[in-house]
Each structure stands twice: as structure tokens, then as C-alpha cells.
Protein backbone atom coordinates (compact mmCIF):
# COMPACT_ATOMS: atom_id res chain seq x y z
CA MET A 1 -40.45 45.93 69.00
CA ARG A 2 -39.13 47.48 65.67
CA CYS A 3 -38.19 51.22 65.57
CA PRO A 4 -39.91 53.19 62.65
CA ASP A 5 -37.22 55.62 61.71
CA ARG A 6 -35.45 53.46 59.85
CA ARG A 7 -32.85 56.27 59.07
CA LEU A 8 -31.12 55.54 62.14
CA SER A 9 -28.07 52.93 62.93
CA GLY A 10 -28.65 50.03 63.82
CA LEU A 11 -27.22 50.49 67.41
CA ALA A 12 -28.93 53.80 67.57
CA ARG A 13 -32.17 51.75 66.60
CA ARG A 14 -32.20 49.45 69.09
CA ASP A 15 -31.26 51.56 72.14
CA THR A 16 -34.00 53.78 70.92
CA ALA A 17 -36.63 51.03 70.71
CA SER A 18 -35.38 49.27 74.28
CA GLN A 19 -36.02 53.00 76.16
CA VAL A 20 -39.36 53.83 74.19
CA PHE A 21 -40.27 50.41 75.15
CA ALA A 22 -39.10 50.71 78.93
CA GLN A 23 -40.79 53.53 78.89
CA ALA A 24 -43.99 53.37 77.56
CA ALA A 25 -44.47 50.20 80.11
CA GLU A 26 -43.28 51.77 83.33
CA ASN A 27 -46.03 54.70 81.96
CA ALA A 28 -48.69 51.99 81.56
CA LYS A 29 -47.87 49.98 84.28
CA SER A 30 -48.34 47.22 81.82
CA LEU A 31 -46.80 45.01 79.12
CA LYS A 32 -50.13 44.20 77.70
CA LEU A 33 -50.12 46.02 73.61
CA ASP A 34 -53.15 47.59 74.26
CA ASP A 35 -51.91 49.51 77.17
CA LEU A 36 -48.12 49.64 75.45
CA MET A 37 -49.71 51.00 72.27
CA ARG A 38 -51.57 54.02 73.93
CA SER A 39 -48.66 55.12 75.95
CA MET A 40 -46.59 55.15 73.19
CA ARG A 41 -49.20 57.56 71.58
CA SER A 42 -49.80 59.74 74.52
CA SER A 43 -46.20 60.48 75.35
CA THR A 44 -42.74 61.88 74.49
CA PHE A 45 -39.78 59.68 75.12
CA PRO A 46 -36.32 60.48 75.73
CA THR A 47 -33.87 58.59 73.92
CA VAL A 48 -30.14 58.59 72.56
CA VAL A 49 -31.21 60.02 69.68
CA GLY A 50 -33.43 62.94 71.09
CA TYR A 51 -37.33 62.77 72.04
CA ARG A 52 -39.19 60.47 70.63
CA SER A 53 -43.22 60.78 70.17
CA PHE A 54 -46.03 58.76 67.92
CA GLY A 55 -48.70 59.34 66.18
CA ALA A 56 -51.99 57.26 65.38
CA LYS A 57 -50.86 55.02 63.23
CA SER A 58 -47.49 54.58 65.16
CA ASP A 59 -45.45 57.20 62.99
CA VAL A 60 -42.17 58.99 64.72
CA LYS A 61 -43.36 62.30 64.95
CA GLU A 62 -40.33 64.04 65.28
CA PRO A 63 -37.85 65.46 62.59
CA ALA A 64 -35.80 63.18 60.53
CA PHE A 65 -32.38 63.92 62.26
CA THR A 66 -31.27 66.64 64.74
CA PHE A 67 -28.49 68.70 65.78
CA ASN A 68 -27.24 68.58 69.07
CA GLU A 69 -24.75 71.43 70.90
CA TRP A 70 -22.62 70.43 73.69
CA LYS A 71 -20.97 72.26 75.94
CA ASP A 72 -19.22 71.61 78.76
CA GLY A 73 -20.54 67.97 78.93
CA LYS A 74 -23.88 69.24 78.91
CA SER A 75 -26.17 69.30 76.36
CA ALA A 76 -26.96 72.94 75.42
CA GLY A 77 -30.34 72.37 72.65
CA GLN A 78 -31.18 70.30 70.30
CA ARG A 79 -32.95 71.45 66.68
CA GLY A 80 -34.03 69.01 63.84
CA ALA A 81 -35.04 69.29 60.60
CA ALA A 82 -37.35 67.24 58.46
CA PHE A 83 -36.68 65.68 54.83
CA GLN A 84 -39.47 66.92 52.35
């Protein structure tokens, strides 16, 4: 599976793709492509780069990048911005 957001670094892209695949397979309770794609299009997945969800054409719906704020070792929120 290839991560559609090419702006991410190689490691983050690999980890994000692995996380989305594993969660989609768990949600679908299947490894069949049609089931995985249905799961990907109907779910939002927490990943190392933030939440990822996909549109009808498997395009990433989230902003192009996010800012994460950490306080005392815990996430205090996330804000994003899209490239126009």
C-alpha cells in the first residue's frame, strides 16, 4: 500500500501506511481489497502524523501538514493547514 501524501518523510510515510492498513484490516475483519477500501473510506485512522481519512477516490482528506502541541509528555492538541 502506498501512502498518498508524498510530502511526508519516508519513515513517516511507511509508518502511516502500515498503521492505516492494519486498522483498516481490523475494522473490515478481512484482507480482501474491496473490504479494505470500504473500511478506509468510512473510517478515520490515528497515525504517527495525525488522523488520516480518505475520500471516494482514496485521496487524503486531512490538511497537508499539522502542528502538534505537547505539554508534560502528552499531546495538547493538533491544528492543520492545507496547501492552496
